[in-house]
Amino acid sequence: MFIPNSRTHFLLGFLFCVVLLVAAYFFQFAQGLEPCPLCISQRLGVFLVGLVMLMGWLHPTGAQGTRRYALAGTLAALLGASVSIRHLWIQHLPPEEVPACGPGLSYMLQYFAFTDTLKAMVTGTGDCAKVEWTFLGFSMPFWVLMSFLLLAAWSSLRAFYPQSNQRY
């Protein structure tokens, strides 16, 4: 099995995260889809995975360091996946069980305590239950979940093969 050298591996993971973030901003600013608190949390998760991948690309460390970056990337991707799963769960709740809709994130950051804003970003609000976009019958949180799982698999692959084709 061909696995690219670790620097190329991390660069490809980083570029995938950049594409995901560009797509998120495209949907927000060009398509007019306002992100809910869980969407923002998922963006932060993609940013975190991308940051780990960027550090793995920029910082050649040998097999042990490569394994550490790979494990950190896997963990960050799985944390992001857990937020996506929560989002999907909220979208599939019966209407009477959906949490109440909350104010926008900018309003919460301005007028709410940081802990209350953070709680809304992690647990979600009724705004998170709205499905405003689908592709092949699946909502955006599903596709973000698939992206997180792909990133976790990609990163963990490097954790198991830290030195294959290693060229610094």
C-alpha atoms as a PDB file:
ATOM      1  CA  MET A   1       0.000   0.000   0.000  1.00  0.00           C
ATOM      2  CA  PHE A   2       1.382   3.410  -0.945  1.00  0.00           C
ATOM      3  CA  ILE A   3       1.231   6.019   1.779  1.00  0.00           C
ATOM      4  CA  PRO A   4       2.706   9.442   0.987  1.00  0.00           C
ATOM      5  CA  ASN A   5       5.600  10.678   3.086  1.00  0.00           C
ATOM      6  CA  SER A   6       4.523  12.251   6.359  1.00  0.00           C
ATOM      7  CA  ARG A   7       4.922  15.864   5.247  1.00  0.00           C
ATOM      8  CA  THR A   8       2.802  15.290   2.134  1.00  0.00           C
ATOM      9  CA  HIS A   9       0.321  13.327   4.236  1.00  0.00           C
ATOM     10  CA  PHE A  10      -0.158  16.211   6.668  1.00  0.00           C
ATOM     11  CA  LEU A  11      -0.236  18.769   3.838  1.00  0.00           C
ATOM     12  CA  LEU A  12      -3.059  16.886   2.105  1.00  0.00           C
ATOM     13  CA  GLY A  13      -5.009  16.730   5.385  1.00  0.00           C
ATOM     14  CA  PHE A  14      -4.461  20.454   5.926  1.00  0.00           C
ATOM     15  CA  LEU A  15      -5.613  21.293   2.384  1.00  0.00           C
ATOM     16  CA  PHE A  16      -8.743  19.181   2.865  1.00  0.00           C
ATOM     17  CA  CYS A  17      -9.539  21.204   6.000  1.00  0.00           C
ATOM     18  CA  VAL A  18      -9.000  24.445   4.063  1.00  0.00           C
ATOM     19  CA  VAL A  19     -11.446  23.254   1.395  1.00  0.00           C
ATOM     20  CA  LEU A  20     -14.013  22.417   4.091  1.00  0.00           C
ATOM     21  CA  LEU A  21     -13.691  25.867   5.673  1.00  0.00           C
ATOM     22  CA  VAL A  22     -13.881  27.628   2.307  1.00  0.00           C
ATOM     23  CA  ALA A  23     -17.035  25.628   1.539  1.00  0.00           C
ATOM     24  CA  ALA A  24     -18.544  26.617   4.907  1.00  0.00           C
ATOM     25  CA  TYR A  25     -17.897  30.291   4.234  1.00  0.00           C
ATOM     26  CA  PHE A  26     -19.223  29.918   0.684  1.00  0.00           C
ATOM     27  CA  PHE A  27     -22.489  28.515   2.031  1.00  0.00           C
ATOM     28  CA  GLN A  28     -22.676  31.294   4.609  1.00  0.00           C
ATOM     29  CA  PHE A  29     -21.774  34.323   2.522  1.00  0.00           C
ATOM     30  CA  ALA A  30     -22.618  33.332  -1.070  1.00  0.00           C
ATOM     31  CA  GLN A  31     -25.641  31.119  -0.396  1.00  0.00           C
ATOM     32  CA  GLY A  32     -26.985  32.991   2.649  1.00  0.00           C
ATOM     33  CA  LEU A  33     -27.107  30.003   5.036  1.00  0.00           C
ATOM     34  CA  GLU A  34     -26.623  31.280   8.571  1.00  0.00           C
ATOM     35  CA  PRO A  35     -24.623  28.844  10.732  1.00  0.00           C
ATOM     36  CA  CYS A  36     -26.162  27.622  13.975  1.00  0.00           C
ATOM     37  CA  PRO A  37     -24.065  27.223  17.168  1.00  0.00           C
ATOM     38  CA  LEU A  38     -23.267  23.581  16.361  1.00  0.00           C
ATOM     39  CA  CYS A  39     -22.205  24.577  12.827  1.00  0.00           C
ATOM     40  CA  ILE A  40     -19.762  27.077  14.323  1.00  0.00           C
ATOM     41  CA  SER A  41     -18.484  24.369  16.692  1.00  0.00           C
ATOM     42  CA  GLN A  42     -17.934  22.039  13.760  1.00  0.00           C
ATOM     43  CA  ARG A  43     -16.021  24.777  11.942  1.00  0.00           C
ATOM     44  CA  LEU A  44     -13.819  25.156  14.995  1.00  0.00           C
ATOM     45  CA  GLY A  45     -13.266  21.395  14.926  1.00  0.00           C
ATOM     46  CA  VAL A  46     -12.207  21.511  11.270  1.00  0.00           C
ATOM     47  CA  PHE A  47      -9.933  24.455  12.085  1.00  0.00           C
ATOM     48  CA  LEU A  48      -8.357  22.485  14.946  1.00  0.00           C
ATOM     49  CA  VAL A  49      -7.734  19.426  12.763  1.00  0.00           C
ATOM     50  CA  GLY A  50      -6.310  21.696  10.072  1.00  0.00           C
ATOM     51  CA  LEU A  51      -4.030  23.378  12.601  1.00  0.00           C
ATOM     52  CA  VAL A  52      -2.679  20.001  13.775  1.00  0.00           C
ATOM     53  CA  MET A  53      -2.149  18.937  10.155  1.00  0.00           C
ATOM     54  CA  LEU A  54      -0.392  22.227   9.392  1.00  0.00           C
ATOM     55  CA  MET A  55       1.925  21.782  12.379  1.00  0.00           C
ATOM     56  CA  GLY A  56       2.656  18.205  11.289  1.00  0.00           C
ATOM     57  CA  TRP A  57       3.539  19.475   7.824  1.00  0.00           C
ATOM     58  CA  LEU A  58       5.716  22.366   8.989  1.00  0.00           C
ATOM     59  CA  HIS A  59       7.466  20.548  11.820  1.00  0.00           C
ATOM     60  CA  PRO A  60       9.365  17.440  10.675  1.00  0.00           C
ATOM     61  CA  THR A  61       9.924  15.431  13.837  1.00  0.00           C
ATOM     62  CA  GLY A  62      10.774  11.863  12.929  1.00  0.00           C
ATOM     63  CA  ALA A  63       8.641   8.813  13.625  1.00  0.00           C
ATOM     64  CA  GLN A  64       7.733   9.612  17.242  1.00  0.00           C
ATOM     65  CA  GLY A  65       6.698  13.207  16.516  1.00  0.00           C
ATOM     66  CA  THR A  66       4.823  12.142  13.396  1.00  0.00           C
ATOM     67  CA  ARG A  67       2.888   9.635  15.480  1.00  0.00           C
ATOM     68  CA  ARG A  68       2.056  12.344  18.048  1.00  0.00           C
ATOM     69  CA  TYR A  69       0.734  14.745  15.396  1.00  0.00           C
ATOM     70  CA  ALA A  70      -1.224  11.917  13.811  1.00  0.00           C
ATOM     71  CA  LEU A  71      -2.817  10.959  17.133  1.00  0.00           C
ATOM     72  CA  ALA A  72      -3.612  14.611  17.901  1.00  0.00           C
ATOM     73  CA  GLY A  73      -5.219  14.959  14.475  1.00  0.00           C
ATOM     74  CA  THR A  74      -7.230  11.788  15.012  1.00  0.00           C
ATOM     75  CA  LEU A  75      -8.421  12.974  18.422  1.00  0.00           C
ATOM     76  CA  ALA A  76      -9.375  16.417  17.084  1.00  0.00           C
ATOM     77  CA  ALA A  77     -11.285  14.833  14.193  1.00  0.00           C
ATOM     78  CA  LEU A  78     -13.154  12.488  16.541  1.00  0.00           C
ATOM     79  CA  LEU A  79     -14.101  15.402  18.791  1.00  0.00           C
ATOM     80  CA  GLY A  80     -15.445  17.234  15.758  1.00  0.00           C
ATOM     81  CA  ALA A  81     -17.300  14.088  14.721  1.00  0.00           C
ATOM     82  CA  SER A  82     -18.982  13.968  18.134  1.00  0.00           C
ATOM     83  CA  VAL A  83     -20.341  17.492  17.559  1.00  0.00           C
ATOM     84  CA  SER A  84     -21.607  16.435  14.121  1.00  0.00           C
ATOM     85  CA  ILE A  85     -23.332  13.417  15.676  1.00  0.00           C
ATOM     86  CA  ARG A  86     -25.002  15.682  18.224  1.00  0.00           C
ATOM     87  CA  HIS A  87     -26.148  17.953  15.401  1.00  0.00           C
ATOM     88  CA  LEU A  88     -27.604  15.033  13.454  1.00  0.00           C
ATOM     89  CA  TRP A  89     -29.338  13.786  16.589  1.00  0.00           C
ATOM     90  CA  ILE A  90     -31.000  17.178  17.110  1.00  0.00           C
ATOM     91  CA  GLN A  91     -32.087  17.251  13.463  1.00  0.00           C
ATOM     92  CA  HIS A  92     -33.791  13.880  13.854  1.00  0.00           C
ATOM     93  CA  LEU A  93     -35.661  14.672  17.096  1.00  0.00           C
ATOM     94  CA  PRO A  94     -39.445  14.860  16.949  1.00  0.00           C
ATOM     95  CA  PRO A  95     -40.544  18.529  16.724  1.00  0.00           C
ATOM     96  CA  GLU A  96     -41.868  18.554  20.294  1.00  0.00           C
ATOM     97  CA  GLU A  97     -38.469  17.479  21.673  1.00  0.00           C
ATOM     98  CA  VAL A  98     -36.316  20.002  19.798  1.00  0.00           C
ATOM     99  CA  PRO A  99     -34.652  22.504  22.168  1.00  0.00           C
ATOM    100  CA  ALA A 100     -35.829  26.102  22.048  1.00  0.00           C
ATOM    101  CA  CYS A 101     -34.283  28.341  19.418  1.00  0.00           C
ATOM    102  CA  GLY A 102     -31.709  30.730  20.758  1.00  0.00           C
ATOM    103  CA  PRO A 103     -30.408  34.118  19.724  1.00  0.00           C
ATOM    104  CA  GLY A 104     -27.605  34.454  17.188  1.00  0.00           C
ATOM    105  CA  LEU A 105     -24.035  33.707  18.174  1.00  0.00           C
ATOM    106  CA  SER A 106     -22.902  37.341  17.949  1.00  0.00           C
ATOM    107  CA  TYR A 107     -25.730  38.354  20.305  1.00  0.00           C
ATOM    108  CA  MET A 108     -24.825  35.555  22.741  1.00  0.00           C
ATOM    109  CA  LEU A 109     -21.151  36.552  22.720  1.00  0.00           C
ATOM    110  CA  GLN A 110     -22.097  40.162  23.422  1.00  0.00           C
ATOM    111  CA  TYR A 111     -24.741  39.703  26.117  1.00  0.00           C
ATOM    112  CA  PHE A 112     -24.387  36.213  27.604  1.00  0.00           C
ATOM    113  CA  ALA A 113     -21.739  34.832  29.918  1.00  0.00           C
ATOM    114  CA  PHE A 114     -19.007  33.004  28.027  1.00  0.00           C
ATOM    115  CA  THR A 115     -19.937  29.719  29.702  1.00  0.00           C
ATOM    116  CA  ASP A 116     -23.565  30.052  28.544  1.00  0.00           C
ATOM    117  CA  THR A 117     -22.417  30.782  24.988  1.00  0.00           C
ATOM    118  CA  LEU A 118     -20.031  27.825  25.083  1.00  0.00           C
ATOM    119  CA  LYS A 119     -22.817  25.566  26.353  1.00  0.00           C
ATOM    120  CA  ALA A 120     -25.087  26.624  23.457  1.00  0.00           C
ATOM    121  CA  MET A 121     -22.256  25.996  20.992  1.00  0.00           C
ATOM    122  CA  VAL A 122     -21.765  22.460  22.271  1.00  0.00           C
ATOM    123  CA  THR A 123     -25.334  21.396  23.023  1.00  0.00           C
ATOM    124  CA  GLY A 124     -27.117  23.270  20.222  1.00  0.00           C
ATOM    125  CA  THR A 125     -30.406  25.118  19.992  1.00  0.00           C
ATOM    126  CA  GLY A 126     -33.592  24.757  17.997  1.00  0.00           C
ATOM    127  CA  ASP A 127     -31.857  26.553  15.131  1.00  0.00           C
ATOM    128  CA  CYS A 128     -29.689  23.451  14.797  1.00  0.00           C
ATOM    129  CA  ALA A 129     -32.736  21.312  13.985  1.00  0.00           C
ATOM    130  CA  LYS A 130     -33.447  23.131  10.734  1.00  0.00           C
ATOM    131  CA  VAL A 131     -32.288  21.339   7.606  1.00  0.00           C
ATOM    132  CA  GLU A 132     -31.697  24.063   5.048  1.00  0.00           C
ATOM    133  CA  TRP A 133     -29.414  22.202   2.637  1.00  0.00           C
ATOM    134  CA  THR A 134     -29.126  18.601   1.481  1.00  0.00           C
ATOM    135  CA  PHE A 135     -27.016  16.686  -1.004  1.00  0.00           C
ATOM    136  CA  LEU A 136     -28.054  13.183  -2.041  1.00  0.00           C
ATOM    137  CA  GLY A 137     -30.716  13.341   0.667  1.00  0.00           C
ATOM    138  CA  PHE A 138     -28.269  14.010   3.511  1.00  0.00           C
ATOM    139  CA  SER A 139     -27.922  17.244   5.486  1.00  0.00           C
ATOM    140  CA  MET A 140     -24.751  19.238   5.919  1.00  0.00           C
ATOM    141  CA  PRO A 141     -23.945  17.816   9.399  1.00  0.00           C
ATOM    142  CA  PHE A 142     -23.916  14.335   7.855  1.00  0.00           C
ATOM    143  CA  TRP A 143     -21.366  15.399   5.242  1.00  0.00           C
ATOM    144  CA  VAL A 144     -19.289  17.156   7.879  1.00  0.00           C
ATOM    145  CA  LEU A 145     -19.403  13.962   9.969  1.00  0.00           C
ATOM    146  CA  MET A 146     -18.181  11.969   6.955  1.00  0.00           C
ATOM    147  CA  SER A 147     -15.379  14.517   6.520  1.00  0.00           C
ATOM    148  CA  PHE A 148     -14.368  14.225  10.173  1.00  0.00           C
ATOM    149  CA  LEU A 149     -14.352  10.432   9.950  1.00  0.00           C
ATOM    150  CA  LEU A 150     -12.263  10.605   6.783  1.00  0.00           C
ATOM    151  CA  LEU A 151      -9.825  12.987   8.501  1.00  0.00           C
ATOM    152  CA  ALA A 152      -9.648  10.700  11.547  1.00  0.00           C
ATOM    153  CA  ALA A 153      -8.910   7.691   9.346  1.00  0.00           C
ATOM    154  CA  TRP A 154      -6.370   9.665   7.313  1.00  0.00           C
ATOM    155  CA  SER A 155      -4.606  10.882  10.429  1.00  0.00           C
ATOM    156  CA  SER A 156      -4.657   7.522  12.196  1.00  0.00           C
ATOM    157  CA  LEU A 157      -3.162   5.913   9.102  1.00  0.00           C
ATOM    158  CA  ARG A 158      -0.055   8.024   9.693  1.00  0.00           C
ATOM    159  CA  ALA A 159      -0.063   7.000  13.368  1.00  0.00           C
ATOM    160  CA  PHE A 160       0.233   3.342  12.346  1.00  0.00           C
ATOM    161  CA  TYR A 161       2.786   3.955   9.573  1.00  0.00           C
ATOM    162  CA  PRO A 162       4.844   6.910  10.840  1.00  0.00           C
ATOM    163  CA  GLN A 163       7.964   6.229   8.766  1.00  0.00           C
ATOM    164  CA  SER A 164       6.748   4.791   5.477  1.00  0.00           C
ATOM    165  CA  ASN A 165       8.289   6.664   2.550  1.00  0.00           C
ATOM    166  CA  GLN A 166       9.562   9.288   4.973  1.00  0.00           C
ATOM    167  CA  ARG A 167      11.477  12.061   3.170  1.00  0.00           C
ATOM    168  CA  TYR A 168      12.380  15.278   4.927  1.00  0.00           C
END
